[in-house]
């Protein structure tokens, strides 16, 4: 059985047994508690790899103009994985990363259109969903909001003075670790 088939079966079993509406975390927690899934070292490595990748994809700093910008840049690697580099990466790596991220946006837009068209075809007697793929105005609105509220806080929220808590156990790597 492929991993995809296994996960699909797991999701369907959860939906039948527990709840048709759920989060991925709820399914994972249930699968582990019900002993449908256990973590081996290779999967632990994959899990940590995913967490590291997610962190690098989300990490931001403020540039001299106050814009939140990425601190890590990914490009597709030769073996199918991603090659990451930091702020000091050569410009060519960063440009390739930007082009790749744009391609991902186009792929997502294409899939969104496919899903919308299929949904409209599935319900021909209902008002068709309208989908605009021109994001120019959306981006302009976000830019304006960031200029008016550069700290990105929602109204009524104050910045947390507490450091964020990380679930799970971890140790900071020592500086002399190889």
N, C-alpha and C. Protein backbone atom coordinates (compact mmCIF):
# COMPACT_ATOMS: atom_id res chain seq x y z
N UNK A 1 0.86 -1.18 0.00
CA UNK A 1 0.00 0.00 0.00
C UNK A 1 0.90 1.23 0.00
N UNK A 2 0.58 2.18 -0.85
CA UNK A 2 1.37 3.41 -0.90
C UNK A 2 1.07 4.27 0.33
N UNK A 3 1.97 5.22 0.61
CA UNK A 3 1.75 6.12 1.73
C UNK A 3 0.47 6.93 1.52
N UNK A 4 0.25 7.34 0.28
CA UNK A 4 -0.95 8.12 -0.03
C UNK A 4 -2.22 7.31 0.24
N UNK A 5 -2.23 6.05 -0.18
CA UNK A 5 -3.40 5.20 0.07
C UNK A 5 -3.60 4.97 1.57
N UNK A 6 -2.48 4.73 2.28
CA UNK A 6 -2.55 4.54 3.73
C UNK A 6 -3.17 5.76 4.41
N UNK A 7 -2.66 6.95 4.06
CA UNK A 7 -3.17 8.18 4.69
C UNK A 7 -4.64 8.41 4.34
N UNK A 8 -5.01 8.14 3.09
CA UNK A 8 -6.41 8.31 2.69
C UNK A 8 -7.31 7.36 3.48
N UNK A 9 -6.88 6.10 3.64
CA UNK A 9 -7.65 5.14 4.43
C UNK A 9 -7.77 5.61 5.89
N UNK A 10 -6.68 6.12 6.44
CA UNK A 10 -6.66 6.61 7.81
C UNK A 10 -7.66 7.75 7.98
N UNK A 11 -7.65 8.69 7.05
CA UNK A 11 -8.56 9.83 7.11
C UNK A 11 -10.01 9.36 7.02
N UNK A 12 -10.29 8.46 6.08
CA UNK A 12 -11.66 7.97 5.93
C UNK A 12 -12.13 7.21 7.17
N UNK A 13 -11.24 6.41 7.78
CA UNK A 13 -11.60 5.69 8.99
C UNK A 13 -11.93 6.68 10.11
N UNK A 14 -11.12 7.74 10.24
CA UNK A 14 -11.38 8.76 11.26
C UNK A 14 -12.74 9.41 11.01
N UNK A 15 -13.00 9.74 9.77
CA UNK A 15 -14.29 10.40 9.44
C UNK A 15 -15.47 9.50 9.80
N UNK A 16 -15.35 8.20 9.51
CA UNK A 16 -16.44 7.27 9.84
C UNK A 16 -16.57 7.08 11.35
N UNK A 17 -15.44 6.94 12.03
CA UNK A 17 -15.46 6.60 13.45
C UNK A 17 -15.67 7.79 14.37
N UNK A 18 -15.12 8.95 13.98
CA UNK A 18 -15.07 10.07 14.93
C UNK A 18 -15.88 11.29 14.46
N UNK A 19 -15.47 11.87 13.34
CA UNK A 19 -16.06 13.15 12.95
C UNK A 19 -15.76 13.43 11.47
N UNK A 20 -16.77 13.77 10.67
CA UNK A 20 -16.49 14.07 9.26
C UNK A 20 -15.77 15.41 9.05
N UNK A 21 -15.81 16.28 10.06
CA UNK A 21 -15.12 17.57 9.98
C UNK A 21 -14.00 17.55 11.02
N UNK A 22 -12.77 17.80 10.58
CA UNK A 22 -11.64 17.57 11.47
C UNK A 22 -10.41 18.34 11.01
N UNK A 23 -9.45 18.44 11.91
CA UNK A 23 -8.15 19.01 11.56
C UNK A 23 -7.20 17.85 11.29
N UNK A 24 -6.12 18.13 10.58
CA UNK A 24 -5.09 17.11 10.35
C UNK A 24 -4.50 16.67 11.68
N UNK A 25 -4.35 17.59 12.62
CA UNK A 25 -3.79 17.26 13.93
C UNK A 25 -4.69 16.28 14.68
N UNK A 26 -6.01 16.47 14.58
CA UNK A 26 -6.93 15.56 15.26
C UNK A 26 -6.81 14.15 14.71
N UNK A 27 -6.68 14.03 13.40
CA UNK A 27 -6.53 12.71 12.78
C UNK A 27 -5.21 12.07 13.22
N UNK A 28 -4.14 12.85 13.23
CA UNK A 28 -2.83 12.32 13.63
C UNK A 28 -2.85 11.86 15.09
N UNK A 29 -3.42 12.67 15.97
CA UNK A 29 -3.48 12.31 17.39
C UNK A 29 -4.28 11.03 17.58
N UNK A 30 -5.42 10.94 16.92
CA UNK A 30 -6.25 9.74 17.00
C UNK A 30 -5.50 8.52 16.47
N UNK A 31 -4.82 8.65 15.33
CA UNK A 31 -4.12 7.53 14.71
C UNK A 31 -3.02 6.99 15.63
N UNK A 32 -2.32 7.88 16.29
CA UNK A 32 -1.24 7.44 17.19
C UNK A 32 -1.84 6.80 18.45
N UNK A 33 -2.85 7.42 19.04
CA UNK A 33 -3.48 6.85 20.24
C UNK A 33 -4.11 5.50 19.95
N UNK A 34 -4.71 5.36 18.76
CA UNK A 34 -5.37 4.10 18.39
C UNK A 34 -4.37 3.08 17.84
N UNK A 35 -3.10 3.44 17.86
CA UNK A 35 -2.00 2.59 17.40
C UNK A 35 -2.15 2.19 15.93
N UNK A 36 -2.69 3.10 15.14
CA UNK A 36 -2.73 2.90 13.69
C UNK A 36 -1.44 3.40 13.05
N UNK A 37 -0.65 4.11 13.84
CA UNK A 37 0.57 4.72 13.30
C UNK A 37 1.59 4.83 14.41
N UNK A 38 2.83 4.47 14.10
CA UNK A 38 3.92 4.67 15.05
C UNK A 38 5.09 5.29 14.31
N UNK A 39 5.89 5.98 15.05
CA UNK A 39 7.00 6.72 14.45
C UNK A 39 8.30 5.93 14.58
N UNK A 40 8.93 5.67 13.45
CA UNK A 40 10.25 5.06 13.42
C UNK A 40 11.25 6.18 13.21
N UNK A 41 12.53 5.86 13.36
CA UNK A 41 13.54 6.90 13.26
C UNK A 41 13.47 7.62 11.91
N UNK A 42 13.28 6.87 10.83
CA UNK A 42 13.24 7.52 9.51
C UNK A 42 12.09 8.52 9.43
N UNK A 43 10.97 8.20 10.09
CA UNK A 43 9.85 9.12 10.08
C UNK A 43 10.10 10.30 11.02
N UNK A 44 10.78 10.04 12.12
CA UNK A 44 11.14 11.13 13.02
C UNK A 44 12.03 12.13 12.28
N UNK A 45 12.95 11.61 11.47
CA UNK A 45 13.81 12.49 10.67
C UNK A 45 12.96 13.28 9.69
N UNK A 46 12.02 12.61 9.05
CA UNK A 46 11.13 13.32 8.10
C UNK A 46 10.31 14.39 8.81
N UNK A 47 9.81 14.05 10.00
CA UNK A 47 9.02 15.02 10.76
C UNK A 47 9.84 16.24 11.14
N UNK A 48 11.05 16.01 11.65
CA UNK A 48 11.92 17.13 12.00
C UNK A 48 12.32 17.91 10.75
N UNK A 49 12.56 17.21 9.65
CA UNK A 49 12.85 17.88 8.39
C UNK A 49 11.71 18.80 8.00
N UNK A 50 10.50 18.31 8.13
CA UNK A 50 9.32 19.13 7.79
C UNK A 50 9.22 20.35 8.71
N UNK A 51 9.50 20.15 10.01
CA UNK A 51 9.44 21.27 10.95
C UNK A 51 10.52 22.32 10.62
N UNK A 52 11.72 21.84 10.30
CA UNK A 52 12.81 22.76 9.95
C UNK A 52 12.46 23.51 8.67
N UNK A 53 11.96 22.78 7.68
CA UNK A 53 11.57 23.41 6.41
C UNK A 53 10.47 24.45 6.63
N UNK A 54 9.47 24.08 7.43
CA UNK A 54 8.38 25.02 7.71
C UNK A 54 8.92 26.27 8.40
N UNK A 55 9.83 26.08 9.35
CA UNK A 55 10.42 27.23 10.03
C UNK A 55 11.15 28.13 9.03
N UNK A 56 11.98 27.50 8.19
CA UNK A 56 12.73 28.31 7.23
C UNK A 56 11.80 29.02 6.25
N UNK A 57 10.68 28.40 5.93
CA UNK A 57 9.72 29.04 5.03
C UNK A 57 8.96 30.19 5.67
N UNK A 58 8.90 30.20 7.00
CA UNK A 58 8.13 31.22 7.71
C UNK A 58 8.97 32.29 8.39
N UNK A 59 10.25 32.04 8.58
CA UNK A 59 11.11 32.97 9.32
C UNK A 59 11.22 34.31 8.57
N UNK A 60 11.06 35.41 9.29
CA UNK A 60 11.09 36.74 8.70
C UNK A 60 11.92 37.68 9.57
N UNK A 61 12.47 38.71 8.93
CA UNK A 61 13.09 39.83 9.63
C UNK A 61 12.57 41.10 8.97
N UNK A 62 12.77 42.21 9.64
CA UNK A 62 12.39 43.49 9.05
C UNK A 62 13.57 44.06 8.27
N UNK A 63 13.30 44.48 7.04
CA UNK A 63 14.36 45.11 6.25
C UNK A 63 14.46 46.58 6.65
N UNK A 64 15.41 47.34 6.08
CA UNK A 64 15.58 48.75 6.47
C UNK A 64 14.32 49.61 6.30
N UNK A 65 13.40 49.20 5.42
CA UNK A 65 12.16 49.95 5.23
C UNK A 65 11.02 49.40 6.09
N UNK A 66 11.33 48.43 6.96
CA UNK A 66 10.31 47.89 7.85
C UNK A 66 9.48 46.76 7.26
N UNK A 67 9.80 46.31 6.06
CA UNK A 67 9.06 45.21 5.44
C UNK A 67 9.52 43.89 6.04
N UNK A 68 8.58 43.01 6.30
CA UNK A 68 8.91 41.66 6.77
C UNK A 68 9.33 40.85 5.55
N UNK A 69 10.57 40.36 5.57
CA UNK A 69 11.10 39.60 4.44
C UNK A 69 11.65 38.26 4.93
N UNK A 70 11.67 37.30 4.05
CA UNK A 70 12.16 35.96 4.39
C UNK A 70 13.65 35.99 4.72
N UNK A 71 14.04 35.10 5.60
CA UNK A 71 15.46 34.98 5.95
C UNK A 71 16.11 33.76 5.30
N UNK A 72 15.28 32.89 4.71
CA UNK A 72 15.78 31.68 4.06
C UNK A 72 15.17 31.57 2.68
N UNK A 73 15.95 31.08 1.72
CA UNK A 73 15.51 30.99 0.33
C UNK A 73 15.71 29.58 -0.17
N UNK A 74 14.63 28.97 -0.69
CA UNK A 74 14.67 27.59 -1.16
C UNK A 74 14.61 27.53 -2.68
N UNK A 75 15.36 26.58 -3.22
CA UNK A 75 15.28 26.27 -4.64
C UNK A 75 15.19 24.74 -4.76
N UNK A 76 14.55 24.25 -5.81
CA UNK A 76 14.48 22.78 -5.97
C UNK A 76 15.88 22.20 -6.14
N UNK A 77 16.14 21.11 -5.42
CA UNK A 77 17.43 20.42 -5.53
C UNK A 77 17.38 19.34 -6.59
N UNK A 78 18.53 18.80 -6.89
CA UNK A 78 18.62 17.78 -7.93
C UNK A 78 17.95 16.46 -7.51
N UNK A 79 17.93 16.16 -6.23
CA UNK A 79 17.37 14.89 -5.75
C UNK A 79 15.90 14.99 -5.38
N UNK A 80 15.24 16.07 -5.73
CA UNK A 80 13.82 16.25 -5.42
C UNK A 80 13.56 17.04 -4.16
N UNK A 81 14.57 17.20 -3.30
CA UNK A 81 14.41 17.99 -2.09
C UNK A 81 14.64 19.47 -2.38
N UNK A 82 14.62 20.25 -1.34
CA UNK A 82 14.86 21.68 -1.48
C UNK A 82 16.24 22.02 -0.93
N UNK A 83 16.92 22.93 -1.60
CA UNK A 83 18.20 23.46 -1.11
C UNK A 83 17.93 24.84 -0.54
N UNK A 84 18.24 25.02 0.73
CA UNK A 84 17.99 26.28 1.42
C UNK A 84 19.28 27.06 1.58
N UNK A 85 19.17 28.37 1.54
CA UNK A 85 20.30 29.25 1.83
C UNK A 85 19.75 30.48 2.55
N UNK A 86 20.62 31.15 3.28
CA UNK A 86 20.21 32.29 4.09
C UNK A 86 20.35 33.61 3.35
N UNK A 87 20.29 34.68 4.13
CA UNK A 87 20.32 36.04 3.59
C UNK A 87 21.61 36.33 2.82
N UNK A 88 22.68 35.64 3.17
CA UNK A 88 23.95 35.91 2.50
C UNK A 88 24.12 35.11 1.21
N UNK A 89 23.09 34.39 0.79
CA UNK A 89 23.17 33.59 -0.44
C UNK A 89 23.42 34.51 -1.64
N UNK A 90 24.04 33.97 -2.68
CA UNK A 90 24.23 34.77 -3.89
C UNK A 90 22.88 35.21 -4.48
N UNK A 91 22.89 36.32 -5.15
CA UNK A 91 21.66 36.87 -5.76
C UNK A 91 21.00 35.84 -6.67
N UNK A 92 21.79 35.08 -7.42
CA UNK A 92 21.25 34.09 -8.35
C UNK A 92 20.37 33.08 -7.61
N UNK A 93 20.80 32.63 -6.44
CA UNK A 93 20.01 31.69 -5.65
C UNK A 93 18.69 32.34 -5.23
N UNK A 94 18.75 33.58 -4.80
CA UNK A 94 17.54 34.27 -4.34
C UNK A 94 16.57 34.50 -5.50
N UNK A 95 17.09 34.87 -6.67
CA UNK A 95 16.23 35.08 -7.85
C UNK A 95 15.56 33.77 -8.25
N UNK A 96 16.33 32.68 -8.24
CA UNK A 96 15.76 31.37 -8.56
C UNK A 96 14.67 31.01 -7.56
N UNK A 97 14.88 31.33 -6.29
CA UNK A 97 13.89 31.07 -5.26
C UNK A 97 12.61 31.87 -5.52
N UNK A 98 12.75 33.13 -5.86
CA UNK A 98 11.58 33.96 -6.15
C UNK A 98 10.80 33.41 -7.35
N UNK A 99 11.52 33.01 -8.39
CA UNK A 99 10.86 32.44 -9.57
C UNK A 99 10.13 31.15 -9.22
N UNK A 100 10.75 30.34 -8.37
CA UNK A 100 10.13 29.08 -7.96
C UNK A 100 8.86 29.36 -7.16
N UNK A 101 8.92 30.31 -6.24
CA UNK A 101 7.73 30.64 -5.44
C UNK A 101 6.61 31.18 -6.32
N UNK A 102 6.97 31.96 -7.35
CA UNK A 102 5.95 32.44 -8.28
C UNK A 102 5.30 31.28 -9.03
N UNK A 103 6.13 30.31 -9.44
CA UNK A 103 5.60 29.12 -10.12
C UNK A 103 4.62 28.39 -9.21
N UNK A 104 4.95 28.29 -7.92
CA UNK A 104 4.04 27.64 -6.98
C UNK A 104 2.70 28.38 -6.91
N UNK A 105 2.75 29.72 -6.94
CA UNK A 105 1.52 30.51 -6.95
C UNK A 105 0.69 30.19 -8.19
N UNK A 106 1.34 30.10 -9.34
CA UNK A 106 0.64 29.80 -10.59
C UNK A 106 0.02 28.40 -10.50
N UNK A 107 0.78 27.44 -10.00
CA UNK A 107 0.25 26.09 -9.84
C UNK A 107 -0.96 26.07 -8.92
N UNK A 108 -0.89 26.82 -7.81
CA UNK A 108 -2.02 26.90 -6.88
C UNK A 108 -3.23 27.56 -7.55
N UNK A 109 -2.99 28.61 -8.33
CA UNK A 109 -4.08 29.29 -9.03
C UNK A 109 -4.74 28.35 -10.04
N UNK A 110 -3.93 27.59 -10.76
CA UNK A 110 -4.47 26.63 -11.72
C UNK A 110 -5.34 25.60 -11.00
N UNK A 111 -4.86 25.07 -9.88
CA UNK A 111 -5.64 24.07 -9.14
C UNK A 111 -6.90 24.69 -8.57
N UNK A 112 -6.82 25.91 -8.09
CA UNK A 112 -8.00 26.61 -7.57
C UNK A 112 -9.05 26.75 -8.67
N UNK A 113 -8.61 27.09 -9.88
CA UNK A 113 -9.55 27.21 -11.01
C UNK A 113 -10.15 25.86 -11.36
N UNK A 114 -9.32 24.81 -11.37
CA UNK A 114 -9.84 23.46 -11.65
C UNK A 114 -10.91 23.08 -10.62
N UNK A 115 -10.62 23.32 -9.35
CA UNK A 115 -11.57 22.97 -8.29
C UNK A 115 -12.86 23.77 -8.41
N UNK A 116 -12.73 25.06 -8.70
CA UNK A 116 -13.91 25.92 -8.84
C UNK A 116 -14.75 25.48 -10.02
N UNK A 117 -14.11 25.24 -11.17
CA UNK A 117 -14.84 24.80 -12.37
C UNK A 117 -15.56 23.48 -12.12
N UNK A 118 -14.88 22.54 -11.45
CA UNK A 118 -15.49 21.25 -11.16
C UNK A 118 -16.67 21.40 -10.21
N UNK A 119 -16.51 22.25 -9.19
CA UNK A 119 -17.61 22.49 -8.26
C UNK A 119 -18.80 23.10 -8.97
N UNK A 120 -18.54 24.06 -9.84
CA UNK A 120 -19.63 24.67 -10.60
C UNK A 120 -20.31 23.64 -11.50
N UNK A 121 -19.54 22.76 -12.13
CA UNK A 121 -20.11 21.71 -12.98
C UNK A 121 -20.92 20.71 -12.15
N UNK A 122 -20.51 20.47 -10.91
CA UNK A 122 -21.19 19.50 -10.05
C UNK A 122 -22.53 20.02 -9.54
N UNK A 123 -22.71 21.32 -9.54
CA UNK A 123 -23.95 21.93 -9.06
C UNK A 123 -24.48 22.91 -10.12
N UNK A 124 -24.94 22.37 -11.26
CA UNK A 124 -25.34 23.25 -12.38
C UNK A 124 -26.57 24.10 -12.09
N UNK A 125 -27.38 23.72 -11.12
CA UNK A 125 -28.60 24.48 -10.81
C UNK A 125 -28.36 25.58 -9.78
N UNK A 126 -27.14 25.70 -9.29
CA UNK A 126 -26.80 26.74 -8.32
C UNK A 126 -26.06 27.87 -9.02
N UNK A 127 -26.07 29.02 -8.37
CA UNK A 127 -25.33 30.15 -8.91
C UNK A 127 -23.85 29.80 -8.98
N UNK A 128 -23.21 29.95 -10.15
CA UNK A 128 -21.79 29.59 -10.28
C UNK A 128 -20.90 30.46 -9.38
N UNK A 129 -19.89 29.83 -8.80
CA UNK A 129 -18.91 30.58 -8.03
C UNK A 129 -18.06 31.39 -8.99
N UNK A 130 -17.82 32.63 -8.64
CA UNK A 130 -16.98 33.50 -9.46
C UNK A 130 -15.58 33.52 -8.85
N UNK A 131 -14.57 33.40 -9.70
CA UNK A 131 -13.20 33.35 -9.22
C UNK A 131 -12.34 34.30 -10.04
N UNK A 132 -11.75 35.27 -9.37
CA UNK A 132 -10.81 36.16 -10.03
C UNK A 132 -9.40 35.73 -9.66
N UNK A 133 -8.57 35.54 -10.65
CA UNK A 133 -7.18 35.17 -10.40
C UNK A 133 -6.24 36.37 -10.47
N UNK A 134 -6.80 37.56 -10.67
CA UNK A 134 -6.00 38.78 -10.67
C UNK A 134 -5.85 39.24 -9.22
N UNK A 135 -4.66 39.11 -8.69
CA UNK A 135 -4.40 39.41 -7.28
C UNK A 135 -3.83 40.80 -7.06
N UNK A 136 -3.77 41.61 -8.11
CA UNK A 136 -3.14 42.93 -8.02
C UNK A 136 -3.77 43.77 -6.91
N UNK A 137 -5.08 43.83 -6.86
CA UNK A 137 -5.77 44.66 -5.85
C UNK A 137 -5.56 44.06 -4.45
N UNK A 138 -5.59 42.75 -4.34
CA UNK A 138 -5.38 42.10 -3.03
C UNK A 138 -4.00 42.45 -2.47
N UNK A 139 -2.99 42.39 -3.32
CA UNK A 139 -1.63 42.71 -2.90
C UNK A 139 -1.54 44.18 -2.51
N UNK A 140 -2.15 45.06 -3.29
CA UNK A 140 -2.13 46.49 -2.98
C UNK A 140 -2.80 46.78 -1.63
N UNK A 141 -3.90 46.08 -1.35
CA UNK A 141 -4.59 46.27 -0.07
C UNK A 141 -3.70 45.83 1.08
N UNK A 142 -3.04 44.68 0.93
CA UNK A 142 -2.14 44.21 1.99
C UNK A 142 -0.97 45.16 2.20
N UNK A 143 -0.42 45.68 1.11
CA UNK A 143 0.67 46.66 1.24
C UNK A 143 0.21 47.88 2.02
N UNK A 144 -0.96 48.38 1.70
CA UNK A 144 -1.50 49.55 2.39
C UNK A 144 -1.74 49.25 3.86
N UNK A 145 -2.31 48.07 4.16
CA UNK A 145 -2.55 47.69 5.55
C UNK A 145 -1.23 47.61 6.33
N UNK A 146 -0.20 47.06 5.71
CA UNK A 146 1.10 46.95 6.39
C UNK A 146 1.71 48.33 6.61
N UNK A 147 1.50 49.25 5.68
CA UNK A 147 2.01 50.61 5.86
C UNK A 147 1.30 51.31 7.00
N UNK A 148 -0.01 51.07 7.13
CA UNK A 148 -0.78 51.71 8.18
C UNK A 148 -0.58 51.03 9.53
N UNK A 149 -0.22 49.75 9.52
CA UNK A 149 -0.05 48.98 10.74
C UNK A 149 1.20 48.12 10.58
N UNK A 150 2.38 48.73 10.62
CA UNK A 150 3.61 48.00 10.31
C UNK A 150 3.94 46.86 11.26
N UNK A 151 3.43 46.89 12.49
CA UNK A 151 3.71 45.80 13.43
C UNK A 151 2.81 44.60 13.18
N UNK A 152 1.77 44.78 12.34
CA UNK A 152 0.91 43.67 11.98
C UNK A 152 -0.02 43.20 13.08
N UNK A 153 -0.26 44.04 14.08
CA UNK A 153 -1.15 43.64 15.16
C UNK A 153 -2.59 43.89 14.77
N UNK A 154 -3.46 42.99 15.18
CA UNK A 154 -4.88 43.20 14.97
C UNK A 154 -5.35 44.22 16.00
N UNK A 155 -6.42 44.91 15.67
CA UNK A 155 -6.95 45.91 16.59
C UNK A 155 -7.26 45.27 17.93
N UNK A 156 -6.86 45.93 18.99
CA UNK A 156 -7.14 45.47 20.33
C UNK A 156 -6.14 44.45 20.87
N UNK A 157 -5.19 44.01 20.05
CA UNK A 157 -4.20 43.03 20.52
C UNK A 157 -2.90 43.73 20.86
N UNK A 158 -2.28 43.29 21.92
CA UNK A 158 -0.99 43.83 22.32
C UNK A 158 0.06 42.76 22.08
N UNK A 159 1.28 43.19 21.78
CA UNK A 159 2.32 42.18 21.57
C UNK A 159 2.58 41.39 22.84
N UNK A 160 2.87 40.12 22.66
CA UNK A 160 3.16 39.25 23.79
C UNK A 160 4.55 39.56 24.34
N UNK A 161 4.66 39.60 25.66
CA UNK A 161 5.96 39.81 26.28
C UNK A 161 6.58 38.48 26.66
N UNK A 162 5.80 37.41 26.54
CA UNK A 162 6.28 36.07 26.85
C UNK A 162 6.94 35.48 25.61
N UNK A 163 8.07 34.76 25.78
CA UNK A 163 8.63 34.06 24.63
C UNK A 163 7.68 32.95 24.22
N UNK A 164 7.65 32.65 22.92
CA UNK A 164 6.75 31.60 22.47
C UNK A 164 7.20 30.26 23.03
N UNK A 165 6.25 29.43 23.34
CA UNK A 165 6.54 28.10 23.87
C UNK A 165 6.54 27.11 22.72
N UNK A 166 7.53 26.25 22.67
CA UNK A 166 7.63 25.25 21.63
C UNK A 166 7.22 23.90 22.20
N UNK A 167 6.25 23.23 21.54
CA UNK A 167 5.85 21.91 22.04
C UNK A 167 6.97 20.90 21.83
N UNK A 168 6.96 19.87 22.63
CA UNK A 168 7.95 18.82 22.48
C UNK A 168 9.24 19.17 23.19
N UNK A 169 10.13 18.22 23.20
CA UNK A 169 11.41 18.43 23.85
C UNK A 169 12.46 18.69 22.81
N UNK A 170 13.31 19.63 23.09
CA UNK A 170 14.41 19.91 22.18
C UNK A 170 15.54 20.52 22.97
N UNK A 171 16.71 20.45 22.39
CA UNK A 171 17.87 21.09 22.97
C UNK A 171 18.51 21.93 21.88
N UNK A 172 18.95 23.10 22.24
CA UNK A 172 19.65 23.94 21.28
C UNK A 172 20.98 23.28 20.94
N UNK A 173 21.29 23.13 19.64
CA UNK A 173 22.58 22.51 19.26
C UNK A 173 23.74 23.32 19.81
N UNK A 174 24.76 22.64 20.29
CA UNK A 174 25.93 23.36 20.78
C UNK A 174 26.69 23.94 19.59
N UNK A 175 27.40 25.03 19.83
CA UNK A 175 28.08 25.73 18.75
C UNK A 175 29.22 24.92 18.16
N UNK A 176 29.72 23.92 18.89
CA UNK A 176 30.81 23.14 18.35
C UNK A 176 30.36 21.78 17.81
N UNK A 177 29.04 21.59 17.68
CA UNK A 177 28.52 20.34 17.12
C UNK A 177 28.75 20.31 15.62
N UNK A 178 29.04 19.14 15.11
CA UNK A 178 29.27 19.01 13.68
C UNK A 178 28.16 18.25 13.03
